[in-house]
Protein backbone atom coordinates (compact mmCIF):
# COMPACT_ATOMS: atom_id res chain seq x y z
CA MET A 1 17.73 -25.05 4.54
CA LEU A 2 20.06 -26.66 7.12
CA ALA A 3 20.51 -23.48 9.15
CA PRO A 4 16.81 -23.09 10.12
CA VAL A 5 16.63 -26.78 11.06
CA LEU A 6 19.69 -26.42 13.27
CA ALA A 7 18.26 -23.26 14.85
CA ILE A 8 14.99 -25.01 15.66
CA ALA A 9 16.81 -28.06 17.05
CA ALA A 10 19.05 -25.87 19.20
CA ALA A 11 16.09 -23.95 20.63
CA ILE A 12 14.23 -27.18 21.49
CA ALA A 13 17.41 -28.60 23.03
CA VAL A 14 17.78 -25.54 25.28
CA VAL A 15 14.23 -26.01 26.63
CA ALA A 16 14.71 -29.73 27.14
CA LEU A 17 18.06 -29.20 28.89
CA ALA A 18 16.63 -26.48 31.12
CA ALA A 19 13.70 -28.74 32.11
CA PHE A 20 16.08 -31.59 32.89
CA LEU A 21 18.53 -29.51 34.92
CA PHE A 22 15.88 -27.71 36.93
CA ARG A 23 14.27 -31.08 37.79
CA LYS A 24 17.64 -32.54 38.81
CA LEU A 25 18.46 -29.48 40.90
CA ASP A 26 14.98 -29.61 42.44
CA ARG A 27 14.27 -26.00 41.51
CA GLY A 28 10.70 -24.76 41.04
CA VAL A 29 7.54 -26.83 41.16
CA ASP A 30 5.78 -29.14 38.72
CA ASP A 31 3.39 -27.26 36.46
CA ARG A 32 0.69 -29.42 34.91
CA ASP A 33 -2.07 -26.83 35.00
CA PRO A 34 -3.45 -25.79 31.54
CA GLY A 35 -3.78 -22.34 33.01
CA GLY A 36 -0.42 -22.37 34.78
CA PRO A 37 2.59 -20.06 34.23
CA SER A 38 4.28 -22.34 31.69
CA VAL A 39 1.22 -22.53 29.44
CA GLY A 40 0.45 -18.84 29.93
CA HIS A 41 3.98 -17.80 28.97
CA ALA A 42 4.10 -20.11 25.95
CA GLY A 43 0.65 -19.01 24.80
CA ALA A 44 1.57 -15.34 25.00
CA MET A 45 4.79 -15.87 23.07
CA LEU A 46 3.09 -17.97 20.39
CA SER A 47 0.41 -15.33 19.93
CA ALA A 48 3.08 -12.62 19.64
CA LEU A 49 5.01 -14.71 17.09
CA PHE A 50 1.90 -15.25 15.01
CA LEU A 51 1.09 -11.53 15.05
CA LEU A 52 4.64 -10.67 14.01
CA VAL A 53 4.64 -13.12 11.08
CA PHE A 54 1.13 -12.11 10.08
CA ALA A 55 2.05 -8.43 10.10
CA ILE A 56 5.06 -9.10 7.85
CA ALA A 57 2.87 -11.20 5.51
CA ILE A 58 0.45 -8.28 5.18
CA ILE A 59 2.81 -5.31 5.18
CA VAL A 60 5.24 -6.61 2.54
CA PRO A 61 2.58 -7.07 -0.21
CA TRP A 62 0.86 -3.82 0.87
CA THR A 63 4.00 -1.74 0.46
CA THR A 64 4.88 -3.52 -2.79
CA ALA A 65 1.40 -2.79 -4.15
CA ASP A 66 1.70 0.91 -3.23
CA ALA A 67 5.07 1.13 -4.99
CA ALA A 68 3.74 -0.72 -8.04
CA ARG A 69 0.69 1.58 -8.22
CA GLU A 70 2.93 4.65 -8.07
CA ASN A 71 5.11 3.20 -10.82
CA THR A 72 2.09 2.73 -13.14
CA TYR A 73 1.45 6.48 -12.85
CA THR A 74 5.10 7.19 -13.55
CA GLU A 75 4.93 4.94 -16.64
CA SER A 76 1.68 6.44 -17.89
CA GLN A 77 2.99 9.97 -17.37
CA ALA A 78 6.04 9.11 -19.50
CA ALA A 79 3.65 7.94 -22.23
CA VAL A 80 1.68 11.21 -22.01
CA GLU A 81 4.86 13.30 -22.17
CA ALA A 82 6.08 11.29 -25.18
CA TYR A 83 2.69 11.73 -26.87
CA TRP A 84 2.78 15.47 -26.24
CA ALA A 85 6.35 15.83 -27.53
CA ALA A 86 5.54 13.68 -30.59
CA GLY A 87 3.02 16.31 -31.66
CA GLN A 88 5.93 18.64 -32.36
CA LEU A 89 7.51 16.27 -34.87
CA PRO A 90 7.10 16.99 -38.58
CA TYR A 91 4.25 15.41 -40.56
CA PRO A 92 3.63 12.46 -40.96
CA ALA A 93 5.93 11.28 -38.18
CA ALA A 94 3.91 13.08 -35.49
CA GLY A 95 0.68 11.21 -36.20
CA MET A 96 2.47 7.89 -36.67
CA VAL A 97 4.27 8.04 -33.29
CA GLN A 98 1.16 9.24 -31.47
CA THR A 99 -0.88 6.41 -32.93
CA GLU A 100 1.68 3.80 -31.87
CA LEU A 101 1.84 5.23 -28.36
CA ARG A 102 -1.94 5.14 -28.15
CA ASP A 103 -1.98 1.55 -29.39
CA TYR A 104 0.71 0.58 -26.87
CA VAL A 105 -1.24 1.98 -23.90
CA GLY A 106 -4.40 0.30 -25.19
CA PHE A 107 -2.53 -2.98 -25.49
CA VAL A 108 -1.33 -2.73 -21.89
CA ILE A 109 -4.88 -2.18 -20.63
CA GLU A 110 -6.76 -4.67 -22.75
CA GLN A 111 -4.32 -7.56 -23.12
CA GLU A 112 -1.26 -7.29 -20.92
CA TRP A 113 -2.98 -6.50 -17.64
CA ARG A 114 -4.62 -9.93 -17.50
CA LEU A 115 -1.22 -11.62 -17.81
CA MET A 116 0.24 -9.60 -14.96
CA ALA A 117 -2.15 -11.26 -12.51
CA SER A 118 -0.02 -14.39 -12.90
CA GLY A 119 3.25 -12.46 -12.72
CA ASN A 120 4.01 -12.16 -16.45
CA LEU A 121 4.28 -9.43 -19.05
CA SER A 122 3.74 -9.94 -22.75
CA PRO A 123 6.85 -9.89 -24.97
CA GLU A 124 4.77 -8.01 -27.50
CA GLY A 125 4.68 -4.95 -25.26
CA ALA A 126 8.47 -4.70 -25.17
CA ALA A 127 8.59 -5.27 -28.92
CA ARG A 128 6.13 -2.42 -29.48
CA LEU A 129 8.29 -0.02 -27.45
CA SER A 130 11.43 -1.12 -29.29
CA THR A 131 9.72 -0.44 -32.60
CA ILE A 132 8.67 3.04 -31.48
CA ARG A 133 12.19 3.82 -30.31
CA GLU A 134 13.79 2.59 -33.54
CA GLN A 135 11.36 4.58 -35.67
CA ILE A 136 12.02 7.78 -33.74
CA ALA A 137 15.77 7.25 -33.73
CA GLY A 138 15.71 6.76 -37.50
CA LEU A 139 13.73 9.96 -38.18
CA GLN A 140 15.52 12.53 -40.32
CA VAL A 141 14.50 15.96 -39.08
CA LYS A 142 15.63 19.47 -39.82
CA GLY A 143 15.67 22.49 -37.59
CA ALA A 144 16.36 23.02 -33.89
CA ASP A 145 12.70 22.64 -32.88
CA ALA A 146 12.33 19.30 -34.62
CA GLU A 147 15.60 18.01 -33.20
CA GLU A 148 14.50 19.04 -29.74
CA ALA A 149 11.14 17.32 -30.17
CA LYS A 150 12.82 14.14 -31.37
CA ALA A 151 15.18 14.11 -28.37
CA ALA A 152 12.26 14.73 -25.98
CA VAL A 153 10.24 11.83 -27.46
CA LEU A 154 13.24 9.51 -27.25
CA GLU A 155 13.87 10.43 -23.64
CA GLN A 156 10.28 9.77 -22.62
CA VAL A 157 10.19 6.47 -24.48
CA GLN A 158 13.31 5.45 -22.57
CA ASN A 159 11.56 6.42 -19.34
CA LEU A 160 8.58 4.39 -20.49
CA SER A 161 10.83 1.37 -20.99
CA SER A 162 12.43 1.78 -17.57
CA SER A 163 9.03 1.97 -15.88
CA ARG A 164 7.93 -1.08 -17.84
CA ARG A 165 10.90 -3.09 -16.53
CA GLN A 166 9.94 -2.04 -13.01
CA ARG A 167 6.36 -3.13 -13.67
CA ALA A 168 7.68 -6.53 -14.74
CA ALA A 169 9.62 -6.80 -11.48
CA ASP A 170 6.53 -5.75 -9.49
CA ALA A 171 4.40 -8.36 -11.24
CA GLN A 172 6.81 -11.12 -10.24
CA ALA A 173 7.37 -9.92 -6.66
CA THR A 174 5.92 -12.15 -3.92
CA PRO A 175 6.55 -12.38 -0.17
CA PRO A 176 9.13 -14.98 0.91
CA THR A 177 7.64 -18.46 0.90
CA GLY A 178 8.84 -19.01 4.47
CA ILE A 179 6.69 -16.13 5.69
CA LEU A 180 3.57 -17.68 4.20
CA VAL A 181 4.41 -21.09 5.64
CA LEU A 182 5.08 -19.59 9.07
CA THR A 183 1.79 -17.74 8.93
CA VAL A 184 -0.09 -20.99 8.42
CA VAL A 185 1.96 -22.96 10.96
CA THR A 186 1.81 -20.36 13.72
CA GLY A 187 -1.89 -19.79 13.06
CA LEU A 188 -2.59 -23.51 13.47
CA VAL A 189 -0.45 -23.70 16.63
CA VAL A 190 -2.25 -20.74 18.18
CA LEU A 191 -5.57 -22.31 17.29
CA LEU A 192 -4.73 -25.75 18.72
CA PHE A 193 -2.61 -24.55 21.66
CA PRO A 194 -5.32 -24.81 24.37
CA PHE A 195 -5.94 -28.45 23.39
CA MET A 196 -2.20 -29.15 23.27
CA ALA A 197 -1.91 -27.66 26.79
CA GLY A 198 -4.53 -30.07 28.11
CA ALA A 199 -7.62 -27.85 28.17
CA ARG A 200 -10.96 -29.21 26.98
CA PRO A 201 -13.18 -26.27 26.05
CA ARG A 202 -16.90 -27.08 26.20
CA GLY A 203 -20.16 -25.23 25.90
CA ALA A 204 -19.89 -21.43 25.98
CA SER A 205 -16.09 -21.57 26.17
CA LEU A 206 -16.04 -22.94 22.63
CA VAL A 207 -17.66 -19.78 21.24
CA PRO A 208 -14.54 -17.55 21.49
CA MET A 209 -12.46 -20.47 20.19
CA LEU A 210 -14.66 -20.79 17.10
CA ALA A 211 -14.65 -17.00 16.60
CA MET A 212 -10.84 -17.01 16.79
CA ALA A 213 -10.67 -19.88 14.31
CA ALA A 214 -12.90 -18.00 11.84
CA LEU A 215 -10.82 -14.82 12.09
CA LEU A 216 -7.57 -16.73 11.79
CA GLY A 217 -8.93 -18.44 8.68
CA ILE A 218 -9.84 -15.09 7.16
CA GLY A 219 -6.45 -13.63 8.03
CA ILE A 220 -4.52 -16.56 6.54
CA PHE A 221 -6.70 -16.45 3.41
CA LEU A 222 -5.92 -12.74 3.10
CA THR A 223 -2.16 -13.35 3.22
CA PHE A 224 -2.46 -15.68 0.21
CA ASP A 225 -5.00 -13.50 -1.59
CA ILE A 226 -2.63 -10.51 -1.76
CA VAL A 227 0.51 -12.43 -2.70
CA ARG A 228 0.68 -10.84 -6.20
CA VAL A 229 0.55 -7.11 -6.81
CA PHE A 230 -1.75 -7.28 -9.85
CA ASP A 231 -4.14 -9.86 -8.45
CA GLY A 232 -6.27 -10.33 -5.33
CA GLY A 233 -7.62 -7.87 -2.82
CA LEU A 234 -4.82 -5.29 -3.27
CA ALA A 235 -4.59 -5.65 -7.06
CA VAL A 236 -3.29 -2.58 -8.87
CA ARG A 237 -5.76 -1.56 -11.57
CA PRO A 238 -4.90 0.07 -14.93
CA ASP A 239 -6.41 3.39 -13.85
CA ALA A 240 -3.22 5.31 -14.66
CA PHE A 241 -3.19 4.01 -18.25
CA THR A 242 -6.91 4.67 -18.68
CA ALA A 243 -6.27 8.23 -17.60
CA ALA A 244 -3.39 8.43 -20.11
CA LEU A 245 -5.72 7.46 -22.97
CA GLN A 246 -8.10 10.23 -21.90
CA GLU A 247 -5.17 12.64 -21.84
CA PHE A 248 -4.20 11.54 -25.36
CA GLN A 249 -7.69 12.49 -26.54
CA ARG A 250 -7.42 15.85 -24.89
CA ILE A 251 -4.00 16.53 -26.44
CA SER A 252 -5.20 15.47 -29.88
CA GLY A 253 -8.20 17.75 -29.54
CA THR A 254 -6.02 20.75 -28.76
CA SER A 255 -3.25 20.04 -31.28
């Protein structure tokens, strides 16, 4: 926390020292014009800084959401592969494992997805996967085909667990707090800068100022709305898991 404060203080000190020295050396001319070069340069740089921070605040959640969405399809595909391989297990293990996989995916859609909006996963989901893995590992099977099917189901359940851990990380991921704070601060500075520079917009000149304020408000709201991957405007939906349930039905109909 001390380093940013020192960096800000050093930058302000450089400007103050430069202003003092140039005045003492009688270099340049006084610039009190709200539309002068000093104000124009500062305004352009502040606008660029706001755009940079705003772009980071938008791009980071966007890319995180894309990665999280891709991971849900990876996780659901592992569930489908496990379901398919479980059909090759001997009776009654095949039906038992398939039922538990179907219940797990249904649990994710109907109960766990709501929790992920606040950055959490249910411990029950992990417990369900552990139960499935223990039951499969404890199966006594005979024959090369059955052994191969058991190994395939175990492998896919492990992949399912790995993808679940990644989903937990995605649910907790948020942009750095400093980026959100800077977005608000730079947005306010850009909005108030003409007044700070000494300008007094009136009449028709207020219209673009008000339009800018409205758009800045929408932009800042958007940065906070998409903070979490499973909530807000970019929220990842359980489409991949819904498709997995449909695939389970298709597999069961053909097996």
